[in-house]
Amino acid sequence: MVDNFIIRIDNLSKTFADGVQVLNNVRINIKRNEFVTLLGPSGCGKTTLLRILGGFEEQTEGDVYFEDSLLKGIPPYKRRLNTVFQKYALFPHMNVEENIAFGLTIKKVDKQVIVARIIKMLNLVNLQGFEKRKVQSLSGGQQQRVAIARALINEPEVLLLDEPLGALDLKLRKNMQIELKKIQKKLGITFIFVTHDQEEALTMSDRIVVLKNGQIQQIGTPIDIYNEPNNAFVANFIGESNIIDGIMLKDCLVEIDFIEFECVDSGFTEHERVDVVIRPEDLQIFTNQDGRIKGKVTRVTFRGVHYEIEVMTQYRTYIVHSTKLLNVFENVSLDLEPQDIHIMHKEGPDE
């Protein structure tokens, strides 16, 4: 096994019968015991990729390796991967323990082994005492735990999760994000998680794979992807961003709207036109004229932990996140630290 990779996805493409290409030359190496999230908008190919890994779809081109073995042609039940679907797919005529034990029951595993594993799974997902409950009587979060336990009782080496938190309310979803990460760490197996929710990805992942139109835009840790996006799509999809036209005067010096700012980026052509990414929380806002960027407040929206403030300058509008409560039409100024300015090469119109 090369470099402890449990899954290698090599030049994978998928085109459906109607000619629509949903995956285009995807390459990912996934390590053992890693929590990887496939993140992107609807239609980006993330669920199709998960279904190929699970054996529910066949790729058009490319290869998928589990450890060093090709997966192509191997049916789902023979793969050492299990899937938790978005709708859980629990059996309504079975109780909790019967649902959890289903995979072992059809394999005719010894009953004592099944009972021991059921107890282990119930403890793992905090459903002790729910063994005889009908699944229809459970909450959405409890049903999800049953689905996870049913997938894990087979002791897979990789768990595939297809947007399993989508049907839960906000508070329960946040709790389950933490629970899933705990379960993954406790078991020490690989989780591959599909979502369109950037907060879920940032909260749980060791690495994030950002997809757009079937192509990988960036692979990295949550911190790397948030702080150093590869392009405007990633910057906008992972949190909010002010993306501004700039001119790279030289290494570590960029011009924004005729004002020079020090930055930490280098390796650009002198006087190259660039995209400057500034996160709303990184903009400093002053009620006096201490900042170099002058403007006027045009909107203030309370977001719970901060105010979202829209500031219009001579050249553009900035979005600022601040704990300061300001008034609409108030004159303000903005400023930036070098480490809060992120420079990207400009993209073509079709990118």
Protein backbone atom coordinates (compact mmCIF):
# COMPACT_ATOMS: atom_id res chain seq x y z
CA MET A 1 0.00 0.00 0.00
CA VAL A 2 1.55 3.29 -1.14
CA ASP A 3 2.08 5.99 1.53
CA ASN A 4 -0.71 4.60 3.77
CA PHE A 5 -3.40 5.48 1.22
CA ILE A 6 -6.48 3.31 1.68
CA ILE A 7 -8.23 4.71 -1.42
CA ARG A 8 -6.67 6.03 -4.62
CA ILE A 9 -8.88 7.67 -7.23
CA ASP A 10 -6.96 7.98 -10.48
CA ASN A 11 -8.15 10.11 -13.43
CA LEU A 12 -11.80 9.27 -12.78
CA SER A 13 -14.47 10.50 -15.21
CA LYS A 14 -18.18 9.78 -15.47
CA THR A 15 -20.50 10.58 -18.37
CA PHE A 16 -24.16 9.59 -18.21
CA ALA A 17 -26.10 8.09 -21.14
CA ASP A 18 -27.51 11.51 -22.07
CA GLY A 19 -23.97 12.80 -22.66
CA VAL A 20 -23.73 14.88 -19.49
CA GLN A 21 -20.28 14.63 -17.91
CA VAL A 22 -20.54 14.80 -14.11
CA LEU A 23 -16.93 13.93 -13.21
CA ASN A 24 -13.86 15.04 -15.15
CA ASN A 25 -10.40 13.61 -14.46
CA VAL A 26 -10.76 13.43 -10.67
CA ARG A 27 -7.64 12.42 -8.73
CA ILE A 28 -7.64 11.98 -4.94
CA ASN A 29 -5.55 9.93 -2.53
CA ILE A 30 -7.28 9.23 0.79
CA LYS A 31 -5.33 8.09 3.83
CA ARG A 32 -6.28 5.45 6.34
CA ASN A 33 -8.16 6.90 9.38
CA GLU A 34 -8.78 10.20 7.58
CA PHE A 35 -12.02 12.24 7.62
CA VAL A 36 -12.40 13.59 4.07
CA THR A 37 -15.31 15.76 2.94
CA LEU A 38 -16.44 16.10 -0.68
CA LEU A 39 -17.84 19.63 -0.77
CA GLY A 40 -19.62 21.48 -3.52
CA PRO A 41 -22.94 22.80 -4.82
CA SER A 42 -25.75 20.67 -6.19
CA GLY A 43 -24.72 18.98 -9.44
CA CYS A 44 -20.96 19.20 -8.85
CA GLY A 45 -20.50 15.40 -8.95
CA LYS A 46 -19.84 14.73 -5.26
CA THR A 47 -22.65 12.19 -4.76
CA THR A 48 -21.83 10.44 -8.05
CA LEU A 49 -18.23 10.08 -6.86
CA LEU A 50 -19.44 8.58 -3.56
CA ARG A 51 -21.73 6.17 -5.42
CA ILE A 52 -18.81 5.01 -7.58
CA LEU A 53 -16.78 4.33 -4.43
CA GLY A 54 -19.69 2.39 -2.94
CA GLY A 55 -20.20 0.32 -6.09
CA PHE A 56 -23.60 1.78 -7.02
CA GLU A 57 -22.29 3.47 -10.19
CA GLU A 58 -19.54 2.59 -12.66
CA GLN A 59 -17.06 5.18 -13.87
CA THR A 60 -16.65 5.87 -17.60
CA GLU A 61 -12.88 6.27 -17.36
CA GLY A 62 -10.20 5.96 -14.71
CA ASP A 63 -9.60 3.63 -11.78
CA VAL A 64 -10.41 3.36 -8.08
CA TYR A 65 -8.09 1.35 -5.84
CA PHE A 66 -8.88 0.08 -2.34
CA GLU A 67 -5.44 -0.38 -0.82
CA ASP A 68 -3.75 -1.91 -3.89
CA SER A 69 -6.77 -3.66 -5.41
CA LEU A 70 -8.94 -2.36 -8.25
CA LEU A 71 -12.58 -1.90 -7.21
CA LYS A 72 -14.10 -1.90 -10.70
CA GLY A 73 -16.63 -4.70 -11.10
CA ILE A 74 -16.77 -5.57 -7.40
CA PRO A 75 -20.39 -5.36 -6.13
CA PRO A 76 -21.23 -3.20 -3.09
CA TYR A 77 -21.72 -6.12 -0.69
CA LYS A 78 -18.21 -7.41 -1.39
CA ARG A 79 -16.48 -4.06 -0.74
CA ARG A 80 -15.01 -3.20 2.64
CA LEU A 81 -16.93 0.07 2.51
CA ASN A 82 -20.41 0.79 3.87
CA THR A 83 -22.74 3.66 2.99
CA VAL A 84 -25.07 5.83 5.08
CA PHE A 85 -27.63 7.34 2.71
CA GLN A 86 -29.30 10.73 3.00
CA LYS A 87 -32.69 9.16 3.72
CA TYR A 88 -31.21 6.49 6.06
CA ALA A 89 -33.19 3.64 4.32
CA LEU A 90 -34.24 2.04 7.62
CA PHE A 91 -36.74 -0.83 7.60
CA PRO A 92 -40.02 0.37 9.18
CA HIS A 93 -41.21 -3.16 10.09
CA MET A 94 -38.07 -3.79 12.16
CA ASN A 95 -37.11 -2.41 15.56
CA VAL A 96 -33.82 -0.68 16.32
CA GLU A 97 -31.72 -3.76 17.06
CA GLU A 98 -33.12 -5.63 14.06
CA ASN A 99 -32.22 -2.72 11.78
CA ILE A 100 -28.73 -2.49 13.22
CA ALA A 101 -28.14 -6.25 12.95
CA PHE A 102 -29.51 -6.58 9.41
CA GLY A 103 -26.17 -6.86 7.61
CA LEU A 104 -24.89 -9.53 9.99
CA THR A 105 -28.19 -11.42 9.97
CA ILE A 106 -28.22 -11.91 6.20
CA LYS A 107 -24.60 -13.08 6.41
CA LYS A 108 -25.74 -15.67 8.99
CA VAL A 109 -23.19 -14.51 11.57
CA ASP A 110 -23.33 -16.35 14.91
CA LYS A 111 -26.08 -14.93 17.16
CA GLN A 112 -23.75 -14.37 20.11
CA VAL A 113 -21.45 -12.30 17.89
CA ILE A 114 -24.44 -10.29 16.63
CA VAL A 115 -25.67 -9.56 20.17
CA ALA A 116 -22.20 -8.44 21.29
CA ARG A 117 -21.81 -6.14 18.29
CA ILE A 118 -25.31 -4.66 18.75
CA ILE A 119 -24.41 -3.72 22.33
CA LYS A 120 -21.15 -2.19 21.13
CA MET A 121 -22.94 -0.15 18.43
CA LEU A 122 -25.70 1.05 20.77
CA ASN A 123 -23.04 2.31 23.18
CA LEU A 124 -21.11 3.93 20.36
CA VAL A 125 -24.10 5.95 19.08
CA ASN A 126 -25.65 6.57 22.53
CA LEU A 127 -28.85 4.58 21.95
CA GLN A 128 -28.66 2.25 24.95
CA GLY A 129 -32.17 1.16 25.94
CA PHE A 130 -33.63 1.78 22.47
CA GLU A 131 -33.18 -1.80 21.23
CA LYS A 132 -36.89 -2.69 21.00
CA ARG A 133 -38.15 0.68 19.80
CA LYS A 134 -39.76 0.92 16.36
CA VAL A 135 -37.83 3.23 14.07
CA GLN A 136 -40.99 5.27 13.29
CA SER A 137 -41.08 6.36 16.94
CA LEU A 138 -37.56 7.82 16.80
CA SER A 139 -36.56 11.41 16.13
CA GLY A 140 -34.59 12.29 13.00
CA GLY A 141 -31.35 12.37 14.94
CA GLN A 142 -32.03 8.99 16.55
CA GLN A 143 -32.88 7.45 13.16
CA GLN A 144 -29.62 8.77 11.82
CA ARG A 145 -27.72 7.12 14.69
CA VAL A 146 -29.43 3.82 13.89
CA ALA A 147 -28.37 4.14 10.24
CA ILE A 148 -24.78 4.85 11.28
CA ALA A 149 -24.76 1.89 13.69
CA ARG A 150 -26.18 -0.40 10.98
CA ALA A 151 -23.37 0.62 8.64
CA LEU A 152 -20.64 0.30 11.26
CA ILE A 153 -21.70 -3.08 12.70
CA ASN A 154 -20.18 -4.74 9.62
CA GLU A 155 -16.81 -3.27 10.66
CA PRO A 156 -16.02 -1.56 7.34
CA GLU A 157 -12.66 0.07 6.81
CA VAL A 158 -14.30 3.05 5.09
CA LEU A 159 -17.67 4.65 5.84
CA LEU A 160 -19.33 6.66 3.05
CA LEU A 161 -21.86 9.29 4.18
CA ASP A 162 -24.15 10.97 1.65
CA GLU A 163 -25.39 14.24 3.22
CA PRO A 164 -26.70 12.40 6.33
CA LEU A 165 -27.31 15.60 8.32
CA GLY A 166 -29.41 17.39 5.71
CA ALA A 167 -32.81 16.57 7.24
CA LEU A 168 -31.91 17.62 10.80
CA ASP A 169 -32.66 20.95 12.45
CA LEU A 170 -29.79 23.39 13.03
CA LYS A 171 -29.04 22.58 16.69
CA LEU A 172 -29.20 18.82 16.19
CA ARG A 173 -27.09 19.11 13.05
CA LYS A 174 -24.35 20.92 14.97
CA ASN A 175 -24.44 18.30 17.73
CA MET A 176 -24.22 15.48 15.21
CA GLN A 177 -21.22 17.08 13.52
CA ILE A 178 -19.33 16.74 16.79
CA GLU A 179 -20.68 13.22 17.41
CA LEU A 180 -19.66 11.97 13.97
CA LYS A 181 -16.13 13.25 14.41
CA LYS A 182 -15.92 11.56 17.83
CA ILE A 183 -17.15 8.26 16.38
CA GLN A 184 -14.63 8.44 13.54
CA LYS A 185 -11.74 9.11 15.91
CA LYS A 186 -12.86 6.40 18.35
CA LEU A 187 -13.12 3.74 15.63
CA GLY A 188 -10.02 4.88 13.76
CA ILE A 189 -11.51 4.25 10.31
CA THR A 190 -11.79 6.40 7.19
CA PHE A 191 -14.91 8.55 6.73
CA ILE A 192 -15.78 10.05 3.32
CA PHE A 193 -18.54 12.60 3.82
CA VAL A 194 -20.58 14.40 1.15
CA THR A 195 -22.14 17.81 1.83
CA HIS A 196 -22.93 21.18 0.29
CA ASP A 197 -22.66 22.82 3.74
CA GLN A 198 -19.28 24.54 4.20
CA GLU A 199 -19.71 24.75 7.99
CA GLU A 200 -20.07 20.96 8.21
CA ALA A 201 -16.94 20.54 6.12
CA LEU A 202 -14.90 23.00 8.19
CA THR A 203 -16.08 21.49 11.50
CA MET A 204 -15.43 17.80 10.86
CA SER A 205 -12.82 17.31 8.16
CA ASP A 206 -9.15 16.49 8.20
CA ARG A 207 -9.17 17.45 4.52
CA ILE A 208 -11.75 18.97 2.19
CA VAL A 209 -12.11 18.30 -1.53
CA VAL A 210 -13.93 21.22 -3.20
CA LEU A 211 -15.72 20.27 -6.43
CA LYS A 212 -17.30 22.37 -9.18
CA ASN A 213 -18.79 21.01 -12.41
CA GLY A 214 -17.17 17.62 -11.85
CA GLN A 215 -13.65 19.00 -11.37
CA ILE A 216 -11.57 19.42 -8.24
CA GLN A 217 -10.96 23.07 -7.40
CA GLN A 218 -8.84 22.54 -4.29
CA ILE A 219 -7.82 19.87 -1.78
CA GLY A 220 -6.55 20.91 1.64
CA THR A 221 -7.11 21.20 5.35
CA PRO A 222 -10.04 23.36 6.50
CA ILE A 223 -7.61 26.09 7.60
CA ASP A 224 -5.70 26.05 4.30
CA ILE A 225 -8.84 26.19 2.19
CA TYR A 226 -10.42 28.94 4.26
CA ASN A 227 -7.31 31.10 4.53
CA GLU A 228 -5.70 30.39 1.15
CA PRO A 229 -8.41 29.63 -1.45
CA ASN A 230 -7.12 28.67 -4.90
CA ASN A 231 -9.69 30.69 -6.80
CA ALA A 232 -12.75 32.92 -6.52
CA PHE A 233 -15.15 29.97 -6.50
CA VAL A 234 -13.49 28.41 -3.45
CA ALA A 235 -13.22 31.78 -1.71
CA ASN A 236 -16.94 32.41 -2.14
CA PHE A 237 -18.08 28.87 -1.43
CA ILE A 238 -16.05 28.48 1.76
CA GLY A 239 -17.41 31.38 3.78
CA GLU A 240 -18.03 34.91 2.60
CA SER A 241 -15.41 36.98 0.83
CA ASN A 242 -14.78 40.40 -0.61
CA ILE A 243 -13.10 39.68 -3.97
CA ILE A 244 -11.52 42.85 -5.32
CA ASP A 245 -9.52 43.83 -8.39
CA GLY A 246 -5.92 44.62 -7.54
CA ILE A 247 -2.52 45.22 -9.13
CA MET A 248 0.54 43.39 -7.80
CA LEU A 249 3.19 46.12 -7.77
CA LYS A 250 5.94 43.76 -6.59
CA ASP A 251 6.39 40.91 -4.14
CA CYS A 252 4.40 41.60 -0.95
CA LEU A 253 2.91 44.88 -2.22
CA VAL A 254 -0.51 45.19 -3.87
CA GLU A 255 -2.50 48.20 -5.03
CA ILE A 256 -6.25 48.27 -4.30
CA ASP A 257 -8.19 51.26 -5.63
CA PHE A 258 -5.01 53.39 -5.89
CA ILE A 259 -3.96 52.57 -2.30
CA GLU A 260 -0.85 50.48 -1.62
CA PHE A 261 -1.11 47.63 0.90
CA GLU A 262 1.60 45.34 2.16
CA CYS A 263 0.74 41.63 1.89
CA VAL A 264 2.49 38.29 2.34
CA ASP A 265 2.16 36.94 -1.23
CA SER A 266 4.95 36.74 -3.78
CA GLY A 267 5.76 35.12 -7.11
CA PHE A 268 3.46 37.27 -9.25
CA THR A 269 4.48 39.25 -12.32
CA GLU A 270 5.19 42.92 -11.64
CA HIS A 271 2.01 44.98 -12.28
CA GLU A 272 -0.03 41.80 -12.81
CA ARG A 273 -3.76 42.27 -12.39
CA VAL A 274 -4.93 40.00 -9.58
CA ASP A 275 -7.94 39.07 -7.47
CA VAL A 276 -7.61 40.16 -3.85
CA VAL A 277 -9.57 38.09 -1.31
CA ILE A 278 -10.49 39.73 2.00
CA ARG A 279 -12.66 37.93 4.55
CA PRO A 280 -15.35 40.17 6.13
CA GLU A 281 -14.10 39.40 9.65
CA ASP A 282 -10.58 40.55 8.74
CA LEU A 283 -11.57 44.11 7.83
CA GLN A 284 -10.96 46.60 10.62
CA ILE A 285 -13.66 49.27 10.82
CA PHE A 286 -13.22 52.68 12.47
CA THR A 287 -15.72 55.42 13.28
CA ASN A 288 -12.98 57.96 12.61
CA GLN A 289 -10.68 58.34 9.61
CA ASP A 290 -7.81 56.19 10.94
CA GLY A 291 -8.27 53.59 8.19
CA ARG A 292 -6.95 54.07 4.67
CA ILE A 293 -10.22 53.10 2.95
CA LYS A 294 -12.95 55.74 3.40
CA GLY A 295 -16.65 54.97 3.08
CA LYS A 296 -20.18 55.18 4.41
CA VAL A 297 -22.36 52.55 6.09
CA THR A 298 -25.27 51.60 3.81
CA ARG A 299 -26.66 48.56 5.66
CA VAL A 300 -26.41 46.94 9.11
CA THR A 301 -27.78 43.42 9.73
CA PHE A 302 -27.63 41.61 13.09
CA ARG A 303 -26.31 38.05 12.61
CA GLY A 304 -26.30 36.86 16.23
CA VAL A 305 -22.57 36.77 17.02
CA HIS A 306 -21.74 39.81 14.88
CA TYR A 307 -23.17 42.60 12.77
CA GLU A 308 -22.90 42.39 9.00
CA ILE A 309 -22.07 45.90 7.82
CA GLU A 310 -22.13 47.06 4.23
CA VAL A 311 -19.73 49.92 3.54
CA MET A 312 -19.79 51.81 0.24
CA THR A 313 -16.58 53.51 -0.87
CA GLN A 314 -15.83 55.61 -3.94
CA TYR A 315 -15.03 52.45 -5.93
CA ARG A 316 -16.95 49.50 -4.46
CA THR A 317 -18.96 48.00 -1.61
CA TYR A 318 -17.32 46.01 1.19
CA ILE A 319 -18.96 43.52 3.56
CA VAL A 320 -17.60 43.76 7.11
CA HIS A 321 -18.28 41.50 10.10
CA SER A 322 -17.89 43.36 13.38
CA THR A 323 -19.20 43.35 16.94
CA LYS A 324 -19.56 47.14 16.73
CA LEU A 325 -23.07 48.50 16.19
CA LEU A 326 -22.90 51.31 13.66
CA ASN A 327 -25.57 53.50 12.11
CA VAL A 328 -26.64 53.57 8.48
CA PHE A 329 -25.15 56.62 6.68
CA GLU A 330 -22.37 56.87 9.28
CA ASN A 331 -18.95 57.81 7.86
CA VAL A 332 -16.36 55.13 8.59
CA SER A 333 -12.94 53.95 7.45
CA LEU A 334 -11.49 50.48 6.90
CA ASP A 335 -8.03 48.97 7.08
CA LEU A 336 -6.18 45.68 6.79
CA GLU A 337 -3.18 43.82 8.15
CA PRO A 338 -0.80 42.24 5.59
CA GLN A 339 -1.63 38.67 6.67
CA ASP A 340 -5.34 39.27 6.04
CA ILE A 341 -4.84 40.00 2.32
CA HIS A 342 -4.87 36.94 0.04
CA ILE A 343 -3.78 37.29 -3.60
CA MET A 344 -4.96 35.02 -6.43
CA HIS A 345 -4.25 34.96 -10.15
CA LYS A 346 -7.18 36.31 -12.14
CA GLU A 347 -9.43 33.70 -13.72
CA GLY A 348 -10.76 33.62 -17.25
CA PRO A 349 -14.45 34.38 -17.82
CA ASP A 350 -15.42 30.70 -18.07
CA GLU A 351 -13.53 29.51 -15.02
